[in-house]
């Protein structure tokens, strides 16, 4: 459904929908929803136990609550961009909207918690999720940086070149070296009494030579198994789709694009033992189900539906305009 909230008729429809909704979700800047006549107190007056989830960049109140927010801006504000610039590199954003998806997942957990609370107490509530808070709450490396005045942070995993592509080994290099030395027979090249910096440099050279000698995926798998290392083949997105695990689990599927072809989509990551989950059917165009929602949710008859559609408050976009 697609509603024009700039029209009074659209706001009226939104209010009617809120009266029969369990949860209302919005991500306007703080204050916008209230100015539209759809703030929490208004919605609560329509349905006392309504749950309103508000997601914003900097929270519903505070000195920066009115700022616009996109994921990249939140990455910068929470230290992620700075961290990408360590070791002499210029700060840079990552090519992934982590702050967006992260805040959404926290919002989902909060809504489920509020629904459980409402089932026990009958109370609805307003949930305030700030993208800044959500990023900090799920940054598992943050404590290193908060406690370390030199900003050294945790150890960084190593990437090694093999004859069949690059691999990443997770863990501190000291552990990797012990495994190479004890389980793979890589001789220690450091002379007695060598300085620590020289030991690290020479051992890394020996490790680099060993990994470069792995001439097949079978050899890579065998070495990783013998050393019992957590590792990953460095893949691009297209290669990731062809990994044996992704293929086995159907994590990426070909979905109907409603134009005579298909397009790749990620499947739901939830695998329930007593329920089905995942992509079903095709994605609707914006506003495609305006009439159906009015009938099913608001129980409007054909005359009332026609009047609502004619008001201009409900928008419909065609496949062509969606694709443009």
Protein backbone atom coordinates (compact mmCIF):
# COMPACT_ATOMS: atom_id res chain seq x y z
CA UNK A 1 0.00 0.00 0.00
CA UNK A 2 1.28 3.48 -0.81
CA UNK A 3 -0.28 6.49 0.98
CA UNK A 4 0.38 10.19 0.34
CA UNK A 5 0.69 11.56 3.87
CA UNK A 6 0.88 15.07 2.47
CA UNK A 7 -2.87 14.93 1.90
CA UNK A 8 -5.46 15.04 4.66
CA UNK A 9 -7.23 12.07 3.10
CA UNK A 10 -4.01 10.07 3.30
CA UNK A 11 -3.51 10.89 6.97
CA UNK A 12 -7.10 9.85 7.66
CA UNK A 13 -6.52 6.48 6.00
CA UNK A 14 -3.30 6.00 7.99
CA UNK A 15 -5.17 6.71 11.22
CA UNK A 16 -7.86 4.21 10.31
CA UNK A 17 -5.20 1.58 9.63
CA UNK A 18 -3.46 2.35 12.94
CA UNK A 19 -6.68 1.54 14.79
CA UNK A 20 -6.51 -2.08 13.59
CA UNK A 21 -2.72 -2.50 13.57
CA UNK A 22 -0.66 -4.30 16.19
CA UNK A 23 2.50 -2.39 15.30
CA UNK A 24 3.25 0.89 13.50
CA UNK A 25 6.79 1.44 12.19
CA UNK A 26 8.26 4.75 11.01
CA UNK A 27 11.69 6.17 10.22
CA UNK A 28 11.04 9.86 9.70
CA UNK A 29 13.16 12.45 11.45
CA UNK A 30 11.90 12.97 15.01
CA UNK A 31 8.86 15.23 15.09
CA UNK A 32 7.70 14.61 11.53
CA UNK A 33 5.14 11.95 12.47
CA UNK A 34 3.60 14.21 15.12
CA UNK A 35 3.38 17.11 12.65
CA UNK A 36 1.50 14.80 10.30
CA UNK A 37 -1.00 14.11 13.06
CA UNK A 38 0.25 10.56 13.60
CA UNK A 39 2.44 10.93 16.70
CA UNK A 40 2.47 8.33 19.45
CA UNK A 41 -0.02 10.13 21.69
CA UNK A 42 -2.43 10.46 18.77
CA UNK A 43 -2.05 6.79 17.83
CA UNK A 44 -2.43 5.75 21.46
CA UNK A 45 -5.67 7.70 21.60
CA UNK A 46 -6.92 5.70 18.62
CA UNK A 47 -5.72 2.33 19.95
CA UNK A 48 -4.52 2.26 23.52
CA UNK A 49 -2.24 -0.78 23.20
CA UNK A 50 -0.60 0.21 19.92
CA UNK A 51 3.15 -0.35 19.61
CA UNK A 52 5.01 2.36 17.68
CA UNK A 53 8.58 1.69 16.55
CA UNK A 54 10.54 4.82 15.60
CA UNK A 55 13.96 4.38 13.98
CA UNK A 56 16.11 7.48 13.51
CA UNK A 57 19.78 8.29 13.25
CA UNK A 58 20.33 9.99 16.60
CA UNK A 59 17.24 9.21 18.67
CA UNK A 60 13.91 10.89 19.35
CA UNK A 61 15.47 13.49 21.65
CA UNK A 62 18.89 14.92 22.38
CA UNK A 63 21.17 17.58 20.88
CA UNK A 64 21.42 15.95 17.44
CA UNK A 65 18.03 14.30 17.10
CA UNK A 66 17.04 16.52 14.17
CA UNK A 67 19.95 15.52 11.97
CA UNK A 68 19.36 13.60 8.75
CA UNK A 69 20.91 10.15 8.81
CA UNK A 70 22.05 7.61 6.29
CA UNK A 71 24.06 4.51 7.10
CA UNK A 72 27.36 6.05 5.95
CA UNK A 73 26.94 9.02 8.30
CA UNK A 74 26.35 6.67 11.24
CA UNK A 75 29.40 4.61 10.25
CA UNK A 76 31.44 7.81 10.51
CA UNK A 77 29.95 8.90 13.83
CA UNK A 78 30.47 5.54 15.56
CA UNK A 79 34.12 4.96 14.62
CA UNK A 80 33.74 2.47 11.79
CA UNK A 81 35.04 4.78 9.05
CA UNK A 82 38.03 5.81 11.18
CA UNK A 83 38.85 2.19 11.91
CA UNK A 84 38.99 1.37 8.19
CA UNK A 85 41.78 3.94 7.88
CA UNK A 86 44.21 2.34 10.31
CA UNK A 87 47.80 1.42 9.47
CA UNK A 88 48.46 4.45 7.30
CA UNK A 89 45.32 4.17 5.18
CA UNK A 90 42.92 7.05 4.70
CA UNK A 91 39.58 6.64 6.51
CA UNK A 92 36.98 5.03 4.26
CA UNK A 93 33.42 3.81 4.49
CA UNK A 94 32.59 0.15 3.92
CA UNK A 95 30.50 -0.92 0.93
CA UNK A 96 27.64 -2.16 3.04
CA UNK A 97 24.81 -0.32 4.81
CA UNK A 98 25.49 -1.96 8.16
CA UNK A 99 23.88 0.80 10.23
CA UNK A 100 20.58 0.46 8.34
CA UNK A 101 20.17 -3.30 8.58
CA UNK A 102 21.56 -3.34 12.11
CA UNK A 103 19.02 -0.81 13.40
CA UNK A 104 16.23 -2.71 11.66
CA UNK A 105 17.19 -5.99 13.32
CA UNK A 106 17.35 -4.31 16.73
CA UNK A 107 13.95 -2.81 15.96
CA UNK A 108 12.57 -6.26 15.20
CA UNK A 109 13.81 -7.64 18.52
CA UNK A 110 12.37 -4.64 20.35
CA UNK A 111 8.96 -5.07 18.68
CA UNK A 112 8.85 -8.77 19.55
CA UNK A 113 9.75 -7.91 23.15
CA UNK A 114 7.01 -5.28 23.26
CA UNK A 115 4.47 -7.73 21.87
CA UNK A 116 5.36 -10.25 24.59
CA UNK A 117 5.06 -7.53 27.23
CA UNK A 118 1.68 -6.47 25.83
CA UNK A 119 0.47 -10.07 25.94
CA UNK A 120 1.29 -10.14 29.68
CA UNK A 121 0.34 -6.60 30.70
CA UNK A 122 -1.96 -5.24 28.00
CA UNK A 123 0.31 -2.23 27.60
CA UNK A 124 1.47 -0.78 24.31
CA UNK A 125 4.46 1.54 24.05
CA UNK A 126 6.68 3.76 21.93
CA UNK A 127 10.06 2.21 21.03
CA UNK A 128 12.92 4.61 20.24
CA UNK A 129 15.76 3.02 18.24
CA UNK A 130 18.72 5.25 17.32
CA UNK A 131 21.03 3.95 14.62
CA UNK A 132 23.97 5.27 16.67
CA UNK A 133 22.94 3.22 19.72
CA UNK A 134 22.37 0.10 17.64
CA UNK A 135 25.80 0.34 16.00
CA UNK A 136 27.60 0.77 19.30
CA UNK A 137 25.62 -2.04 20.94
CA UNK A 138 26.67 -4.59 18.33
CA UNK A 139 30.27 -3.49 17.81
CA UNK A 140 32.09 -6.45 19.33
CA UNK A 141 35.46 -4.69 18.96
CA UNK A 142 34.42 -1.40 20.56
CA UNK A 143 35.69 -2.27 24.03
CA UNK A 144 39.24 -2.64 22.72
CA UNK A 145 39.17 0.93 21.46
CA UNK A 146 37.42 2.38 24.51
CA UNK A 147 39.94 0.85 26.91
CA UNK A 148 43.14 1.25 24.86
CA UNK A 149 44.50 4.78 24.82
CA UNK A 150 46.83 3.84 21.93
CA UNK A 151 43.92 2.62 19.81
CA UNK A 152 45.69 -0.62 18.95
CA UNK A 153 42.49 -2.62 18.81
CA UNK A 154 42.26 -6.37 18.42
CA UNK A 155 44.48 -8.44 16.19
CA UNK A 156 43.55 -8.45 12.51
CA UNK A 157 43.11 -11.70 10.63
CA UNK A 158 45.68 -12.47 7.94
CA UNK A 159 45.05 -12.95 4.23
CA UNK A 160 47.37 -15.28 2.35
CA UNK A 161 47.80 -15.92 -1.36
CA UNK A 162 47.62 -19.51 -2.53
CA UNK A 163 47.93 -20.83 -6.06
CA UNK A 164 44.11 -21.06 -6.26
CA UNK A 165 43.18 -17.70 -4.71
CA UNK A 166 43.45 -15.81 -1.45
CA UNK A 167 42.34 -17.23 1.89
CA UNK A 168 41.79 -15.61 5.27
CA UNK A 169 42.89 -17.30 8.47
CA UNK A 170 41.01 -16.14 11.56
CA UNK A 171 43.08 -15.74 14.69
CA UNK A 172 46.30 -14.29 15.98
CA UNK A 173 49.40 -14.94 13.85
CA UNK A 174 51.20 -16.51 16.81
CA UNK A 175 48.61 -19.29 16.85
CA UNK A 176 48.79 -19.68 13.06
CA UNK A 177 52.57 -19.97 13.26
CA UNK A 178 52.48 -22.62 15.98
CA UNK A 179 50.16 -24.72 13.85
CA UNK A 180 52.36 -24.29 10.77
CA UNK A 181 55.44 -25.24 12.72
CA UNK A 182 54.04 -28.16 14.71
CA UNK A 183 51.49 -29.69 12.34
CA UNK A 184 52.76 -28.80 8.87
CA UNK A 185 56.48 -29.05 9.53
CA UNK A 186 57.34 -25.48 8.53
CA UNK A 187 60.81 -24.89 9.97
CA UNK A 188 61.42 -21.86 12.18
CA UNK A 189 63.78 -19.59 10.21
CA UNK A 190 64.72 -17.34 13.14
CA UNK A 191 68.23 -17.58 14.58
CA UNK A 192 68.80 -17.82 18.31
CA UNK A 193 68.66 -14.46 20.02
CA UNK A 194 66.77 -12.77 17.18
CA UNK A 195 64.83 -9.63 18.06
CA UNK A 196 61.05 -9.98 18.26
CA UNK A 197 60.48 -7.85 15.16
CA UNK A 198 62.88 -10.03 13.19
CA UNK A 199 61.17 -13.20 14.43
CA UNK A 200 57.78 -11.96 13.27
CA UNK A 201 59.13 -10.83 9.89
CA UNK A 202 60.97 -14.07 9.16
CA UNK A 203 58.12 -16.29 10.34
CA UNK A 204 55.66 -14.36 8.21
CA UNK A 205 57.91 -14.86 5.22
CA UNK A 206 57.97 -18.60 5.89
CA UNK A 207 54.19 -18.66 6.31
CA UNK A 208 53.72 -16.72 3.06
CA UNK A 209 55.91 -19.22 1.22
CA UNK A 210 53.96 -22.17 2.65
CA UNK A 211 50.54 -20.81 1.69
CA UNK A 212 51.79 -19.90 -1.79
CA UNK A 213 52.78 -23.55 -2.28
CA UNK A 214 49.17 -24.75 -1.92
CA UNK A 215 48.36 -25.56 -5.54
CA UNK A 216 44.78 -26.85 -5.34
CA UNK A 217 41.64 -26.44 -3.27
CA UNK A 218 42.16 -29.99 -2.06
CA UNK A 219 45.56 -28.95 -0.70
CA UNK A 220 44.06 -25.87 0.96
CA UNK A 221 41.29 -27.89 2.61
CA UNK A 222 43.76 -30.54 3.76
CA UNK A 223 46.14 -28.01 5.31
CA UNK A 224 43.34 -26.13 7.08
CA UNK A 225 41.92 -29.39 8.40
CA UNK A 226 45.29 -30.58 9.70
CA UNK A 227 45.89 -27.26 11.45
CA UNK A 228 42.26 -27.06 12.64
CA UNK A 229 42.06 -23.42 11.59
CA UNK A 230 39.00 -21.25 11.04
CA UNK A 231 39.47 -19.94 7.53
CA UNK A 232 37.61 -18.66 4.51
CA UNK A 233 38.19 -18.41 0.79
CA UNK A 234 38.17 -14.74 -0.21
CA UNK A 235 35.25 -14.61 -2.62
CA UNK A 236 33.45 -11.87 -4.48
CA UNK A 237 29.65 -11.77 -4.27
CA UNK A 238 29.15 -13.90 -7.37
CA UNK A 239 31.62 -16.50 -6.13
CA UNK A 240 29.89 -16.54 -2.74
CA UNK A 241 26.71 -17.71 -4.42
CA UNK A 242 28.57 -20.76 -5.73
CA UNK A 243 30.01 -21.81 -2.38
CA UNK A 244 28.92 -25.32 -1.36
CA UNK A 245 27.23 -24.09 1.81
CA UNK A 246 25.27 -21.32 0.09
CA UNK A 247 24.13 -23.73 -2.63
CA UNK A 248 23.20 -26.44 -0.12
CA UNK A 249 21.17 -24.08 2.06
CA UNK A 250 19.56 -22.23 -0.85
CA UNK A 251 20.67 -18.93 0.68
CA UNK A 252 20.36 -17.17 -2.70
CA UNK A 253 17.46 -17.98 -4.99
CA UNK A 254 16.22 -16.92 -8.42
CA UNK A 255 12.92 -15.09 -7.96
CA UNK A 256 10.32 -14.12 -10.54
CA UNK A 257 10.97 -10.53 -11.64
CA UNK A 258 7.46 -10.12 -13.10
CA UNK A 259 8.99 -9.18 -16.45
CA UNK A 260 9.46 -12.65 -17.90
CA UNK A 261 12.74 -13.35 -16.15
CA UNK A 262 14.30 -13.83 -12.74
CA UNK A 263 16.57 -11.94 -10.41
CA UNK A 264 18.71 -13.24 -7.55
CA UNK A 265 17.41 -12.68 -4.02
CA UNK A 266 18.75 -13.66 -0.63
CA UNK A 267 16.55 -16.19 1.11
CA UNK A 268 15.43 -15.89 4.72
CA UNK A 269 18.21 -17.08 7.07
CA UNK A 270 15.67 -18.59 9.48
CA UNK A 271 15.34 -22.37 9.38
CA UNK A 272 12.49 -23.48 11.64
CA UNK A 273 11.85 -27.10 12.54
CA UNK A 274 8.08 -26.62 12.80
CA UNK A 275 7.36 -23.81 10.33
CA UNK A 276 8.23 -22.60 6.86
CA UNK A 277 9.96 -19.31 6.16
CA UNK A 278 11.36 -17.53 3.17
CA UNK A 279 10.43 -15.81 -0.06
CA UNK A 280 6.94 -16.64 -1.29
CA UNK A 281 5.26 -15.27 -4.38
CA UNK A 282 6.44 -12.10 -6.09
CA UNK A 283 7.14 -8.64 -4.74
CA UNK A 284 4.19 -6.27 -5.25
CA UNK A 285 4.57 -2.93 -6.97
CA UNK A 286 4.07 0.05 -4.70
CA UNK A 287 0.38 0.61 -4.23
CA UNK A 288 -0.58 -2.57 -6.04
CA UNK A 289 -2.73 -3.75 -3.15
CA UNK A 290 -4.28 -0.43 -2.14
CA UNK A 291 -7.81 -1.65 -2.75
CA UNK A 292 -7.25 -5.05 -1.13
CA UNK A 293 -5.92 -3.47 2.07
CA UNK A 294 -8.87 -1.10 2.27
CA UNK A 295 -11.25 -4.02 1.94
CA UNK A 296 -9.42 -6.50 4.17
CA UNK A 297 -8.22 -4.19 6.95
CA UNK A 298 -10.82 -1.43 6.98
CA UNK A 299 -13.77 -3.49 5.71
CA UNK A 300 -14.71 -0.81 3.17
CA UNK A 301 -17.29 -1.59 0.54
CA UNK A 302 -16.71 -1.02 -3.18
CA UNK A 303 -18.16 2.49 -3.11
CA UNK A 304 -15.92 3.58 -0.24
CA UNK A 305 -12.88 1.95 -1.85
CA UNK A 306 -13.56 3.75 -5.13
CA UNK A 307 -13.91 7.05 -3.27
CA UNK A 308 -10.62 6.52 -1.44
CA UNK A 309 -8.81 5.64 -4.65
CA UNK A 310 -10.27 8.68 -6.42
CA UNK A 311 -9.16 11.02 -3.64
CA UNK A 312 -5.55 10.99 -4.83
CA UNK A 313 -4.31 9.99 -1.38
CA UNK A 314 -3.35 6.50 -2.53
CA UNK A 315 -0.52 6.18 -5.02
CA UNK A 316 0.07 3.41 -7.52
CA UNK A 317 3.27 2.88 -9.47
CA UNK A 318 3.54 0.63 -12.48
CA UNK A 319 6.27 -1.89 -13.13
CA UNK A 320 7.83 0.52 -15.63
CA UNK A 321 8.02 3.41 -13.16
CA UNK A 322 9.33 1.10 -10.42
CA UNK A 323 12.16 -0.02 -12.67
CA UNK A 324 13.14 3.49 -13.76
